[in-house]
């Protein structure tokens, strides 16, 4: 087809080779290509083996920890564990009921502070601030706070609440945990809101809906599965924290009684599970050590259950529209 000076229009490959003939690779070039391919295959195998090895090591140690906690803690789990106060040093029986109740109250208080503030901050960043200077500054501060050690949050709450009021309290513990929860909720909620298609925003505004109503009634509603997941993950983030509570809630061997007074949420030290586990695990009394293993098991099961719940909600969130 090339003898008469014409090239078949329906054969671009032949046309290109006819106009610009490609010389055959030299033996040296062929050897270089073979070495390059062999090197890439070797690197790929090394990276693959390294990734599998690192993953297997991580899973092994995590499984070891979980199995140890289950083996040592399952014996302490009984009805008294969830209903009775801690025993005295060396005394048999007892439980960690006050610490469980205190942990629930402190975490709930932290969620009431951190989740709404983080949610509205995320709405501002995703829908109103976007790439403005204020929004950029908020994102920068949020990223910095995400990397701050949790003990710094405890010192912050100690400085603004415990020291001025001259007493520890469960509320101070909630403030410290809310400080940790806030950036997690903000970043997660912002990422979820950014996943909402712009068509929904434009459609809501096109029918004459105010901006705030389009945001809360359309965008937030379409992303509610992811937002609930973000809230659960924020709670999970603080569920096992001990360091902030050392400077704020401290601990107590008594029940939490009301809001005020020496045994109240605002008035005095509040029992919590993580600090109690730390105290009992380092004690010389076998019964306290057994209760500490039981408390650690409760924490692990709670965190695992909340993570599973968050995954289920996120996967089924699209069905709620």
Protein backbone atom coordinates (compact mmCIF):
# COMPACT_ATOMS: atom_id res chain seq x y z
CA UNK A 1 0.00 0.00 0.00
CA UNK A 2 3.04 2.31 0.13
CA UNK A 3 4.48 1.58 -3.34
CA UNK A 4 2.40 4.27 -5.10
CA UNK A 5 3.23 6.90 -2.47
CA UNK A 6 -0.06 6.53 -0.59
CA UNK A 7 -0.68 5.14 2.87
CA UNK A 8 -3.84 3.44 3.96
CA UNK A 9 -5.89 5.91 5.94
CA UNK A 10 -7.34 3.19 8.11
CA UNK A 11 -3.91 1.99 9.37
CA UNK A 12 -2.33 4.76 11.53
CA UNK A 13 0.36 2.44 12.88
CA UNK A 14 1.66 1.61 9.40
CA UNK A 15 1.43 5.25 8.41
CA UNK A 16 3.53 6.33 11.38
CA UNK A 17 6.13 3.62 10.81
CA UNK A 18 6.35 4.51 7.16
CA UNK A 19 6.98 8.19 7.81
CA UNK A 20 9.21 7.78 10.87
CA UNK A 21 10.85 4.36 10.80
CA UNK A 22 11.81 3.12 14.27
CA UNK A 23 15.27 1.59 14.38
CA UNK A 24 15.64 -1.79 16.03
CA UNK A 25 17.11 -1.62 19.55
CA UNK A 26 20.77 -2.45 19.85
CA UNK A 27 21.96 -5.40 21.99
CA UNK A 28 23.10 -2.98 24.71
CA UNK A 29 19.66 -1.34 24.82
CA UNK A 30 17.95 -4.73 25.05
CA UNK A 31 20.19 -5.71 27.99
CA UNK A 32 19.42 -2.38 29.73
CA UNK A 33 15.70 -2.89 29.30
CA UNK A 34 15.89 -6.43 30.66
CA UNK A 35 17.86 -5.22 33.69
CA UNK A 36 15.32 -2.41 34.24
CA UNK A 37 12.39 -4.84 34.14
CA UNK A 38 14.17 -7.27 36.46
CA UNK A 39 14.99 -4.45 38.89
CA UNK A 40 11.37 -3.26 38.98
CA UNK A 41 10.13 -6.79 39.59
CA UNK A 42 12.66 -7.24 42.40
CA UNK A 43 11.67 -3.95 44.05
CA UNK A 44 8.00 -4.86 43.72
CA UNK A 45 8.58 -8.22 45.43
CA UNK A 46 10.63 -6.60 48.22
CA UNK A 47 7.94 -3.98 48.89
CA UNK A 48 5.17 -6.59 48.78
CA UNK A 49 6.95 -8.93 51.16
CA UNK A 50 7.81 -6.01 53.46
CA UNK A 51 4.20 -4.82 53.54
CA UNK A 52 2.87 -8.31 54.29
CA UNK A 53 5.51 -8.83 56.97
CA UNK A 54 4.78 -5.49 58.66
CA UNK A 55 1.05 -6.16 58.56
CA UNK A 56 1.50 -9.67 59.97
CA UNK A 57 3.69 -8.36 62.81
CA UNK A 58 1.16 -5.66 63.67
CA UNK A 59 -1.77 -8.09 63.61
CA UNK A 60 0.20 -10.60 65.71
CA UNK A 61 0.95 -8.13 68.49
CA UNK A 62 -2.56 -6.66 68.45
CA UNK A 63 -4.03 -10.14 68.64
CA UNK A 64 -1.61 -11.00 71.44
CA UNK A 65 -2.71 -7.96 73.43
CA UNK A 66 -6.41 -8.64 72.90
CA UNK A 67 -6.12 -12.32 73.78
CA UNK A 68 -4.10 -11.53 76.91
CA UNK A 69 -6.66 -8.98 78.07
CA UNK A 70 -9.53 -11.37 77.37
CA UNK A 71 -7.81 -14.26 79.15
CA UNK A 72 -6.89 -12.21 82.20
CA UNK A 73 -10.02 -10.07 82.35
CA UNK A 74 -12.86 -12.46 81.60
CA UNK A 75 -12.68 -13.92 85.10
CA UNK A 76 -13.45 -10.54 86.69
CA UNK A 77 -16.59 -9.96 84.62
CA UNK A 78 -19.68 -10.78 86.66
CA UNK A 79 -22.79 -9.09 87.99
CA UNK A 80 -20.94 -7.52 90.92
CA UNK A 81 -18.41 -5.98 88.54
CA UNK A 82 -21.16 -3.80 87.01
CA UNK A 83 -23.18 -3.11 90.17
CA UNK A 84 -20.87 -2.77 93.18
CA UNK A 85 -18.30 -0.26 94.40
CA UNK A 86 -14.58 -1.10 94.42
CA UNK A 87 -13.48 -3.22 97.39
CA UNK A 88 -10.97 -2.16 99.98
CA UNK A 89 -7.31 -3.14 99.69
CA UNK A 90 -7.09 -6.92 99.81
CA UNK A 91 -10.85 -7.42 100.27
CA UNK A 92 -12.60 -9.94 97.98
CA UNK A 93 -15.47 -9.16 95.61
CA UNK A 94 -16.53 -5.69 94.57
CA UNK A 95 -16.69 -4.09 91.16
CA UNK A 96 -16.13 -0.94 89.15
CA UNK A 97 -19.70 0.27 88.81
CA UNK A 98 -18.91 3.82 89.95
CA UNK A 99 -16.04 4.07 87.47
CA UNK A 100 -18.24 2.85 84.61
CA UNK A 101 -20.96 5.38 85.46
CA UNK A 102 -18.41 8.16 85.83
CA UNK A 103 -16.83 7.33 82.47
CA UNK A 104 -20.21 7.44 80.75
CA UNK A 105 -21.08 10.80 82.32
CA UNK A 106 -17.69 12.38 81.58
CA UNK A 107 -17.70 11.13 77.98
CA UNK A 108 -21.30 12.25 77.47
CA UNK A 109 -20.42 15.72 78.78
CA UNK A 110 -17.42 15.87 76.44
CA UNK A 111 -19.64 14.87 73.51
CA UNK A 112 -22.15 17.61 74.36
CA UNK A 113 -19.33 20.15 74.15
CA UNK A 114 -17.12 18.82 71.37
CA UNK A 115 -19.52 17.36 68.82
CA UNK A 116 -21.84 20.37 68.27
CA UNK A 117 -18.93 22.83 68.14
CA UNK A 118 -16.98 20.58 65.77
CA UNK A 119 -20.06 20.06 63.58
CA UNK A 120 -20.81 23.76 63.13
CA UNK A 121 -17.13 24.49 62.57
CA UNK A 122 -17.14 21.88 59.80
CA UNK A 123 -20.28 23.40 58.25
CA UNK A 124 -18.60 26.80 58.18
CA UNK A 125 -15.41 25.43 56.64
CA UNK A 126 -17.15 23.32 54.00
CA UNK A 127 -20.05 25.59 53.04
CA UNK A 128 -19.20 29.19 53.90
CA UNK A 129 -15.52 29.73 54.65
CA UNK A 130 -14.12 27.37 52.03
CA UNK A 131 -10.73 28.81 50.97
CA UNK A 132 -10.98 32.10 52.86
CA UNK A 133 -8.33 33.31 55.25
CA UNK A 134 -10.34 32.57 58.38
CA UNK A 135 -11.17 29.07 57.16
CA UNK A 136 -7.53 28.42 56.31
CA UNK A 137 -6.45 29.58 59.76
CA UNK A 138 -9.05 27.31 61.40
CA UNK A 139 -7.86 24.32 59.39
CA UNK A 140 -4.26 25.02 60.33
CA UNK A 141 -5.11 25.25 64.02
CA UNK A 142 -7.20 22.08 63.77
CA UNK A 143 -4.33 20.16 62.20
CA UNK A 144 -1.98 21.37 64.93
CA UNK A 145 -4.38 20.40 67.72
CA UNK A 146 -4.83 16.95 66.18
CA UNK A 147 -1.15 16.27 66.80
CA UNK A 148 -1.01 17.67 70.33
CA UNK A 149 -0.44 15.00 73.05
CA UNK A 150 -3.54 14.32 75.10
CA UNK A 151 -1.80 15.28 78.32
CA UNK A 152 -1.61 18.86 77.03
CA UNK A 153 -5.41 18.89 76.90
CA UNK A 154 -5.44 17.83 80.55
CA UNK A 155 -3.03 20.62 81.48
CA UNK A 156 -5.20 23.10 79.58
CA UNK A 157 -8.33 22.09 81.52
CA UNK A 158 -6.33 22.06 84.75
CA UNK A 159 -5.18 25.63 84.16
CA UNK A 160 -8.62 27.07 83.33
CA UNK A 161 -10.84 25.01 85.67
CA UNK A 162 -9.09 22.95 88.34
CA UNK A 163 -6.55 25.50 89.53
CA UNK A 164 -8.93 28.53 89.68
CA UNK A 165 -11.66 26.50 91.42
CA UNK A 166 -9.19 24.63 93.69
CA UNK A 167 -10.76 21.21 93.13
CA UNK A 168 -10.95 18.42 90.59
CA UNK A 169 -14.22 17.63 88.87
CA UNK A 170 -15.84 15.46 86.25
CA UNK A 171 -16.73 18.59 84.29
CA UNK A 172 -13.04 19.49 83.99
CA UNK A 173 -12.46 16.00 82.62
CA UNK A 174 -15.21 16.52 80.06
CA UNK A 175 -13.64 19.81 78.94
CA UNK A 176 -10.26 18.11 78.50
CA UNK A 177 -11.77 15.29 76.45
CA UNK A 178 -13.84 17.77 74.40
CA UNK A 179 -10.61 19.57 73.53
CA UNK A 180 -9.34 16.29 72.03
CA UNK A 181 -12.66 15.46 70.40
CA UNK A 182 -13.18 18.84 68.72
CA UNK A 183 -10.55 18.65 65.92
CA UNK A 184 -11.46 15.03 65.15
CA UNK A 185 -15.11 15.94 64.68
CA UNK A 186 -14.27 19.07 62.70
CA UNK A 187 -11.99 17.39 60.16
CA UNK A 188 -14.15 14.30 59.75
CA UNK A 189 -17.37 16.27 59.30
CA UNK A 190 -15.73 18.68 56.84
CA UNK A 191 -14.45 15.79 54.71
CA UNK A 192 -17.91 14.20 54.71
CA UNK A 193 -19.63 17.46 53.71
CA UNK A 194 -17.12 17.98 50.90
CA UNK A 195 -18.19 14.63 49.44
CA UNK A 196 -21.73 15.89 48.86
CA UNK A 197 -22.16 16.61 45.11
CA UNK A 198 -22.38 20.29 44.14
CA UNK A 199 -25.53 19.47 42.15
CA UNK A 200 -27.45 19.18 45.42
CA UNK A 201 -26.26 22.61 46.55
CA UNK A 202 -27.13 24.20 43.22
CA UNK A 203 -30.53 22.52 43.08
CA UNK A 204 -31.49 23.68 46.55
CA UNK A 205 -30.42 27.26 45.82
CA UNK A 206 -32.10 27.20 42.39
CA UNK A 207 -35.56 26.64 43.90
CA UNK A 208 -35.11 29.71 46.10
CA UNK A 209 -34.12 28.09 49.41
CA UNK A 210 -32.01 30.29 51.71
CA UNK A 211 -28.38 29.31 52.03
CA UNK A 212 -28.74 28.18 55.63
CA UNK A 213 -31.80 26.10 54.83
CA UNK A 214 -30.14 24.50 51.83
CA UNK A 215 -27.14 23.66 53.98
CA UNK A 216 -29.01 22.22 56.97
CA UNK A 217 -31.99 20.72 55.14
CA UNK A 218 -30.33 19.28 52.05
CA UNK A 219 -26.55 19.00 52.38
CA UNK A 220 -26.36 17.97 56.03
CA UNK A 221 -29.28 15.59 55.63
CA UNK A 222 -27.66 13.85 52.67
CA UNK A 223 -24.44 13.46 54.67
CA UNK A 224 -25.97 12.46 58.00
CA UNK A 225 -24.69 8.89 57.85
CA UNK A 226 -21.11 10.09 57.57
CA UNK A 227 -21.66 12.80 60.19
CA UNK A 228 -22.96 10.27 62.71
CA UNK A 229 -19.93 8.11 61.93
CA UNK A 230 -17.65 11.07 62.57
CA UNK A 231 -19.32 11.73 65.91
CA UNK A 232 -18.88 8.10 66.95
CA UNK A 233 -15.22 8.15 65.92
CA UNK A 234 -14.69 11.31 67.95
CA UNK A 235 -16.13 9.57 71.01
CA UNK A 236 -13.98 6.51 70.35
CA UNK A 237 -10.92 8.76 70.17
CA UNK A 238 -11.32 9.79 73.81
CA UNK A 239 -12.76 6.57 75.23
CA UNK A 240 -9.44 5.20 76.41
CA UNK A 241 -7.71 8.42 77.44
CA UNK A 242 -6.11 8.46 80.87
CA UNK A 243 -3.59 11.33 80.82
CA UNK A 244 -6.15 14.20 80.58
CA UNK A 245 -8.14 12.78 83.50
CA UNK A 246 -5.08 12.67 85.76
CA UNK A 247 -5.17 16.49 85.92
CA UNK A 248 -8.92 17.01 85.83
CA UNK A 249 -11.34 14.34 87.08
CA UNK A 250 -8.71 12.40 89.05
CA UNK A 251 -10.68 9.48 90.58
CA UNK A 252 -12.95 8.52 93.45
CA UNK A 253 -13.99 5.31 95.23
CA UNK A 254 -17.55 6.62 95.64
CA UNK A 255 -20.63 6.97 93.51
CA UNK A 256 -21.24 10.08 91.45
CA UNK A 257 -24.06 11.90 93.27
CA UNK A 258 -25.77 14.74 91.45
CA UNK A 259 -24.17 17.77 89.90
CA UNK A 260 -22.79 19.70 92.86
CA UNK A 261 -21.20 18.87 96.16
CA UNK A 262 -18.01 16.96 96.86
CA UNK A 263 -19.34 13.86 95.07
CA UNK A 264 -21.02 15.76 92.22
CA UNK A 265 -20.12 16.18 88.58
CA UNK A 266 -19.11 19.82 89.06
CA UNK A 267 -18.01 19.64 92.66
CA UNK A 268 -15.34 17.00 93.18
CA UNK A 269 -13.22 14.13 91.84
CA UNK A 270 -15.18 11.72 89.68
CA UNK A 271 -14.50 8.01 89.28
CA UNK A 272 -13.59 6.92 85.76
CA UNK A 273 -12.59 3.63 84.25
CA UNK A 274 -9.23 4.49 82.71
CA UNK A 275 -7.76 6.13 85.83
CA UNK A 276 -9.11 3.31 88.02
CA UNK A 277 -7.54 0.69 85.74
CA UNK A 278 -4.22 2.53 85.95
CA UNK A 279 -4.36 2.72 89.77
CA UNK A 280 -5.44 -0.88 90.28
CA UNK A 281 -3.01 -2.34 87.73
CA UNK A 282 -0.06 -0.81 89.61
CA UNK A 283 -1.31 -1.88 93.06
CA UNK A 284 0.13 -4.86 94.98
CA UNK A 285 -3.32 -6.39 95.65
CA UNK A 286 -4.36 -9.31 93.45
CA UNK A 287 -8.09 -8.52 93.61
CA UNK A 288 -7.46 -4.97 92.39
CA UNK A 289 -5.26 -6.27 89.60
CA UNK A 290 -8.00 -8.64 88.50
CA UNK A 291 -10.50 -5.77 88.44
CA UNK A 292 -8.02 -3.75 86.37
CA UNK A 293 -7.88 -6.53 83.78
CA UNK A 294 -11.68 -6.61 83.74
CA UNK A 295 -11.83 -2.85 83.24
CA UNK A 296 -9.33 -3.08 80.37
CA UNK A 297 -11.51 -5.74 78.74
CA UNK A 298 -14.58 -3.51 79.03
CA UNK A 299 -12.69 -0.64 77.39
CA UNK A 300 -11.49 -2.82 74.50
CA UNK A 301 -14.95 -4.29 73.88
CA UNK A 302 -16.53 -0.84 74.01
CA UNK A 303 -14.06 0.71 71.56
CA UNK A 304 -14.31 -2.28 69.21
CA UNK A 305 -18.10 -2.20 69.32
CA UNK A 306 -18.24 1.52 68.59
CA UNK A 307 -15.87 1.13 65.65
CA UNK A 308 -18.03 -1.64 64.20
CA UNK A 309 -21.13 0.52 64.73
CA UNK A 310 -19.47 3.44 62.96
CA UNK A 311 -18.64 1.24 59.95
CA UNK A 312 -22.19 -0.08 59.75
CA UNK A 313 -23.69 3.40 59.92
CA UNK A 314 -21.30 4.74 57.28
CA UNK A 315 -22.02 1.85 54.90
CA UNK A 316 -25.79 2.20 55.25
CA UNK A 317 -25.88 5.99 55.36
CA UNK A 318 -26.81 6.30 51.69
CA UNK A 319 -30.00 4.32 52.33
CA UNK A 320 -31.29 7.09 54.64
CA UNK A 321 -31.73 9.74 51.97
